[in-house]
Protein backbone atom coordinates (compact mmCIF):
# COMPACT_ATOMS: atom_id res chain seq x y z
CA UNK A 1 10.31 -13.24 -16.49
CA UNK A 2 13.41 -11.54 -15.09
CA UNK A 3 15.39 -12.00 -12.35
CA UNK A 4 15.11 -8.22 -9.86
CA UNK A 5 12.85 -5.95 -7.40
CA UNK A 6 12.32 -3.43 -6.11
CA UNK A 7 15.90 -2.26 -4.80
CA UNK A 8 18.51 -4.82 -4.29
CA UNK A 9 16.14 -8.38 -3.17
CA UNK A 10 16.69 -10.93 -5.53
CA UNK A 11 12.96 -12.26 -6.84
CA UNK A 12 11.38 -12.67 -9.95
CA UNK A 13 9.80 -10.00 -11.94
CA UNK A 14 7.37 -10.19 -14.82
CA UNK A 15 4.82 -8.68 -16.59
CA UNK A 16 1.36 -10.63 -16.27
CA UNK A 17 -1.91 -10.32 -18.84
CA UNK A 18 -4.61 -8.93 -16.60
CA UNK A 19 -8.00 -8.32 -18.23
CA UNK A 20 -6.98 -5.28 -20.37
CA UNK A 21 -4.10 -4.36 -19.06
CA UNK A 22 -0.83 -6.05 -18.28
CA UNK A 23 0.55 -5.81 -14.37
CA UNK A 24 3.82 -5.40 -12.65
CA UNK A 25 4.40 -8.59 -10.55
CA UNK A 26 7.33 -8.89 -8.69
CA UNK A 27 7.51 -11.88 -6.36
CA UNK A 28 10.41 -13.06 -4.05
CA UNK A 29 10.56 -17.16 -1.92
CA UNK A 30 9.64 -20.28 -3.52
CA UNK A 31 5.81 -20.92 -4.96
CA UNK A 32 6.10 -23.91 -2.42
CA UNK A 33 5.91 -21.20 0.39
CA UNK A 34 2.93 -19.44 2.19
CA UNK A 35 1.07 -16.82 -0.46
CA UNK A 36 1.38 -13.47 0.50
CA UNK A 37 -0.09 -10.62 -0.98
CA UNK A 38 1.09 -7.50 -0.71
CA UNK A 39 -0.62 -4.39 -2.10
CA UNK A 40 0.63 -0.54 -2.20
CA UNK A 41 0.48 1.17 -4.43
CA UNK A 42 4.03 -0.33 -6.25
CA UNK A 43 6.07 -3.57 -5.60
CA UNK A 44 8.97 -0.51 -4.39
CA UNK A 45 5.98 1.04 -1.78
CA UNK A 46 6.79 -2.46 0.22
CA UNK A 47 10.86 -1.82 1.04
CA UNK A 48 13.11 -4.87 -0.01
CA UNK A 49 14.58 -5.62 3.82
CA UNK A 50 10.70 -5.51 4.87
CA UNK A 51 10.02 -8.53 2.55
CA UNK A 52 13.67 -9.26 3.69
CA UNK A 53 12.71 -10.20 6.88
CA UNK A 54 9.59 -12.55 6.06
CA UNK A 55 11.09 -15.76 5.53
CA UNK A 56 8.39 -18.62 4.57
CA UNK A 57 6.63 -16.78 2.79
CA UNK A 58 5.99 -16.44 -1.32
CA UNK A 59 5.85 -12.76 -0.85
CA UNK A 60 4.06 -11.25 -4.26
CA UNK A 61 4.09 -7.40 -4.57
CA UNK A 62 3.21 -5.31 -8.02
CA UNK A 63 2.55 -1.69 -9.51
CA UNK A 64 -1.09 -0.74 -9.46
CA UNK A 65 -2.51 -0.12 -13.23
CA UNK A 66 -1.35 3.54 -14.21
CA UNK A 67 1.82 2.71 -11.86
CA UNK A 68 5.08 1.67 -11.78
CA UNK A 69 5.89 -0.42 -14.85
CA UNK A 70 2.35 -2.02 -15.08
CA UNK A 71 0.21 -0.55 -18.21
CA UNK A 72 -0.09 3.33 -17.82
CA UNK A 73 -2.73 5.43 -20.09
CA UNK A 74 -3.28 8.32 -17.95
CA UNK A 75 -3.41 8.52 -13.66
CA UNK A 76 -5.20 11.79 -13.79
CA UNK A 77 -7.99 10.62 -15.71
CA UNK A 78 -8.31 6.33 -14.81
CA UNK A 79 -10.90 4.50 -16.96
CA UNK A 80 -11.68 2.16 -14.05
CA UNK A 81 -12.68 2.52 -10.34
CA UNK A 82 -11.37 1.00 -7.56
CA UNK A 83 -13.81 -2.59 -7.97
CA UNK A 84 -11.16 -2.74 -11.04
CA UNK A 85 -8.41 -2.54 -8.71
CA UNK A 86 -9.88 -5.46 -7.08
CA UNK A 87 -10.09 -7.20 -9.27
CA UNK A 88 -6.20 -6.73 -10.99
CA UNK A 89 -5.75 -8.24 -7.82
CA UNK A 90 -8.09 -11.60 -8.03
CA UNK A 91 -6.28 -11.71 -11.16
CA UNK A 92 -2.70 -11.38 -10.08
CA UNK A 93 -3.71 -14.17 -7.89
CA UNK A 94 -5.24 -16.25 -10.57
CA UNK A 95 -1.82 -15.63 -13.15
CA UNK A 96 0.55 -16.98 -10.06
CA UNK A 97 -2.31 -20.00 -9.78
CA UNK A 98 -2.86 -18.87 -6.08
CA UNK A 99 -5.78 -20.35 -5.08
CA UNK A 100 -5.61 -18.25 -1.30
CA UNK A 101 -3.53 -16.00 -0.33
CA UNK A 102 -2.30 -13.59 3.14
CA UNK A 103 -3.41 -10.50 1.87
CA UNK A 104 -1.73 -7.03 3.65
CA UNK A 105 -2.57 -3.60 2.33
CA UNK A 106 -0.57 -0.36 2.88
CA UNK A 107 -2.10 3.45 2.81
CA UNK A 108 -4.90 3.56 0.22
CA UNK A 109 -3.80 -0.22 -0.40
CA UNK A 110 -5.57 -0.64 2.88
CA UNK A 111 -8.63 -0.01 0.17
CA UNK A 112 -8.28 -2.80 -1.76
CA UNK A 113 -7.60 -5.02 -0.02
CA UNK A 114 -10.55 -4.67 2.84
CA UNK A 115 -12.46 -5.46 -0.33
CA UNK A 116 -11.05 -8.09 -1.44
CA UNK A 117 -11.77 -9.46 1.65
CA UNK A 118 -15.18 -8.31 1.27
CA UNK A 119 -15.71 -9.38 -2.19
CA UNK A 120 -13.61 -12.56 -2.67
CA UNK A 121 -13.48 -14.14 0.78
CA UNK A 122 -12.74 -17.63 -0.52
CA UNK A 123 -9.20 -15.64 -1.77
CA UNK A 124 -8.27 -14.32 1.54
CA UNK A 125 -6.35 -16.33 4.41
CA UNK A 126 -5.76 -13.41 6.68
CA UNK A 127 -5.96 -10.14 6.18
CA UNK A 128 -3.13 -7.32 7.58
CA UNK A 129 -4.87 -3.65 7.01
CA UNK A 130 -1.31 -0.98 7.64
CA UNK A 131 -1.83 2.67 7.85
CA UNK A 132 -5.16 2.89 6.12
CA UNK A 133 -9.07 3.77 7.00
CA UNK A 134 -12.35 2.38 6.40
CA UNK A 135 -13.44 5.01 4.00
CA UNK A 136 -12.70 6.13 0.41
CA UNK A 137 -10.53 9.66 -0.06
CA UNK A 138 -13.05 12.50 0.18
CA UNK A 139 -15.07 13.83 3.34
CA UNK A 140 -14.77 10.94 6.48
CA UNK A 141 -17.47 10.35 8.51
CA UNK A 142 -18.15 12.17 12.22
CA UNK A 143 -16.29 9.38 14.06
CA UNK A 144 -13.60 9.70 12.07
CA UNK A 145 -10.21 11.71 12.68
CA UNK A 146 -9.44 13.68 9.16
CA UNK A 147 -5.71 14.88 8.14
CA UNK A 148 -4.00 16.49 10.60
CA UNK A 149 -3.44 20.58 9.94
CA UNK A 150 0.29 19.75 9.81
CA UNK A 151 -0.72 17.90 6.91
CA UNK A 152 -3.92 20.71 4.97
CA UNK A 153 -0.77 23.00 5.76
CA UNK A 154 1.72 21.25 3.94
CA UNK A 155 0.17 20.78 1.32
CA UNK A 156 -1.01 24.50 1.27
CA UNK A 157 2.24 25.60 1.58
CA UNK A 158 4.89 23.15 0.18
CA UNK A 159 6.67 25.09 -2.48
CA UNK A 160 5.75 23.22 -6.23
CA UNK A 161 7.65 20.31 -7.27
CA UNK A 162 9.35 20.10 -11.21
CA UNK A 163 7.99 16.72 -11.94
CA UNK A 164 10.13 16.92 -15.00
CA UNK A 165 13.58 16.74 -12.31
CA UNK A 166 14.75 14.25 -10.75
CA UNK A 167 16.34 16.42 -8.06
CA UNK A 168 13.20 18.36 -7.15
CA UNK A 169 10.31 15.37 -7.30
CA UNK A 170 12.89 13.67 -4.20
CA UNK A 171 13.48 17.09 -2.62
CA UNK A 172 9.39 17.06 -2.37
CA UNK A 173 9.14 13.68 -1.67
CA UNK A 174 11.00 13.94 1.25
CA UNK A 175 9.15 17.09 2.55
CA UNK A 176 6.41 15.73 2.51
CA UNK A 177 7.69 12.40 4.05
CA UNK A 178 8.18 14.58 6.95
CA UNK A 179 5.34 15.99 7.54
CA UNK A 180 3.76 12.68 7.20
CA UNK A 181 6.30 10.93 9.60
CA UNK A 182 4.73 12.70 12.58
CA UNK A 183 8.20 12.35 14.10
CA UNK A 184 11.27 13.54 15.67
CA UNK A 185 13.15 9.93 14.62
CA UNK A 186 12.59 11.27 11.06
CA UNK A 187 15.35 9.83 8.50
CA UNK A 188 16.11 11.60 5.36
CA UNK A 189 18.09 9.84 4.08
CA UNK A 190 15.93 6.68 4.48
CA UNK A 191 12.98 8.09 3.36
CA UNK A 192 15.17 9.66 0.05
CA UNK A 193 16.51 6.25 -0.79
CA UNK A 194 12.28 4.89 -0.22
CA UNK A 195 11.32 7.54 -2.59
CA UNK A 196 14.38 6.44 -5.28
CA UNK A 197 13.76 3.28 -5.53
CA UNK A 198 9.48 4.23 -6.33
CA UNK A 199 10.46 6.40 -8.73
CA UNK A 200 12.75 4.24 -10.33
CA UNK A 201 10.03 2.02 -11.20
CA UNK A 202 7.60 5.04 -12.43
CA UNK A 203 7.12 5.28 -16.35
CA UNK A 204 7.49 8.20 -19.15
CA UNK A 205 3.85 9.41 -18.46
CA UNK A 206 3.91 12.66 -16.89
CA UNK A 207 1.82 12.15 -13.90
CA UNK A 208 3.01 8.31 -13.57
CA UNK A 209 5.85 9.41 -10.40
CA UNK A 210 3.59 11.72 -8.31
CA UNK A 211 0.88 8.95 -8.64
CA UNK A 212 3.66 6.55 -7.42
CA UNK A 213 4.58 8.52 -4.76
CA UNK A 214 1.28 9.99 -3.42
CA UNK A 215 -0.80 7.76 -4.86
CA UNK A 216 -2.90 11.10 -6.66
CA UNK A 217 -5.10 7.94 -9.28
CA UNK A 218 -7.80 7.37 -5.89
CA UNK A 219 -8.26 10.92 -5.49
CA UNK A 220 -9.90 10.56 -9.24
CA UNK A 221 -11.12 6.87 -8.93
CA UNK A 222 -14.99 6.51 -8.46
CA UNK A 223 -14.62 4.33 -5.04
CA UNK A 224 -18.29 4.26 -4.82
CA UNK A 225 -20.45 1.91 -2.77
CA UNK A 226 -19.29 2.20 0.39
CA UNK A 227 -18.08 -0.21 1.97
CA UNK A 228 -17.18 0.17 5.60
CA UNK A 229 -21.17 -0.57 7.14
CA UNK A 230 -19.62 -4.33 5.56
CA UNK A 231 -16.83 -4.46 7.79
CA UNK A 232 -18.41 -6.51 10.17
CA UNK A 233 -18.62 -9.10 6.88
CA UNK A 234 -15.26 -10.06 6.53
CA UNK A 235 -14.48 -13.45 7.88
CA UNK A 236 -10.38 -13.70 7.42
CA UNK A 237 -8.55 -13.44 10.90
CA UNK A 238 -7.03 -9.52 10.32
CA UNK A 239 -4.59 -7.93 12.09
CA UNK A 240 -4.28 -3.46 11.87
CA UNK A 241 -1.36 -1.89 11.61
CA UNK A 242 -1.22 1.23 12.13
CA UNK A 243 1.38 4.43 13.57
CA UNK A 244 0.29 5.62 16.96
CA UNK A 245 1.35 9.33 15.44
CA UNK A 246 0.21 9.14 11.80
CA UNK A 247 -1.25 12.63 10.63
CA UNK A 248 -2.26 11.70 7.12
CA UNK A 249 -5.14 9.09 8.61
CA UNK A 250 -5.19 9.42 12.64
CA UNK A 251 -5.11 6.35 14.44
CA UNK A 252 -8.74 6.94 15.21
CA UNK A 253 -9.34 5.31 12.40
CA UNK A 254 -7.75 2.51 12.98
CA UNK A 255 -9.58 2.00 16.19
CA UNK A 256 -12.45 1.66 13.98
CA UNK A 257 -10.88 -0.89 11.98
CA UNK A 258 -10.17 -3.25 14.68
CA UNK A 259 -13.36 -2.48 16.36
CA UNK A 260 -15.58 -3.08 13.23
CA UNK A 261 -14.18 -6.52 11.59
CA UNK A 262 -15.01 -9.22 13.89
CA UNK A 263 -11.65 -10.25 16.13
CA UNK A 264 -9.51 -7.45 14.69
CA UNK A 265 -6.11 -7.30 16.75
CA UNK A 266 -5.01 -3.66 16.60
CA UNK A 267 -1.15 -2.85 16.61
CA UNK A 268 0.02 0.48 17.42
CA UNK A 269 3.33 1.53 16.98
CA UNK A 270 4.60 4.06 19.09
CA UNK A 271 7.04 6.88 17.62
CA UNK A 272 5.50 6.19 13.83
CA UNK A 273 3.22 8.00 11.58
CA UNK A 274 1.83 7.18 7.87
CA UNK A 275 4.56 5.33 7.26
CA UNK A 276 6.59 1.91 7.49
CA UNK A 277 10.24 3.31 8.53
CA UNK A 278 13.13 0.72 9.43
CA UNK A 279 13.00 1.21 12.85
CA UNK A 280 9.67 -0.62 12.50
CA UNK A 281 10.64 -3.57 10.08
CA UNK A 282 11.70 -5.59 12.61
CA UNK A 283 8.31 -5.62 14.89
CA UNK A 284 6.03 -5.38 11.48
CA UNK A 285 7.28 -8.32 9.54
CA UNK A 286 7.68 -10.23 12.90
CA UNK A 287 3.48 -9.37 13.20
CA UNK A 288 2.54 -10.23 10.18
CA UNK A 289 4.90 -13.29 10.29
CA UNK A 290 2.68 -14.67 13.41
CA UNK A 291 0.02 -13.50 12.00
CA UNK A 292 0.26 -16.18 8.54
CA UNK A 293 1.55 -18.65 10.67
CA UNK A 294 -0.19 -22.12 9.43
């Protein structure tokens, strides 16, 4: 175990054996604090500045398998399912000796968080879902808004990225982040720094950076069976956080989540897209702290 973090915040990082893989886990705070498991693609999906605002919490971040510093075999051909990633999350808690934690998932990490609350309810004290939706990648249900035309147009016309060249990768990441932000308040320097922190964790596999930055493995995963119809079974108190300007998972997805999870609270962030920008850190961290208070 070593001191470190995903961009300057002092924490403890270790490779934790979980099943047939090793997952790189980063913790910040005291194990005696309230445990809060953050699920993204990599530990760096959650900015250090945001984590630093979560005082009084034992914050656990980790790299999913096939991302960051965790075991990577082939992100383009994952030999596991979405449910295996849920089992990995349980394994992280087991490895740290945490019986029950508050759980937050961002983007596709929200799929894992939802299923963790459904399949392992005793392990989830509360649930925070940020910028996610109640169905897996692919065609959405008729009542859910799909990716905006701006998103589809970007992926259809964006210049190709040279995934072997750091400058090209970061330029492409900023261009994508600009469209995902859906906001004139987009901060290109902040987006580049965020992408650089994720890139810094990526390994030598040709698909590692692409997966770390874009979560491309989720398009390859077997995510069946569906879980939306089970959302009313969630017993953990839930907070749904979503950007009003999100063009990737438009806000109707969050409204559906909040409506279908019993007692869920919906927090819509004005002027925020498919992102968790620095200008929203204070508001979201305060909401998370209130939601996870004893």
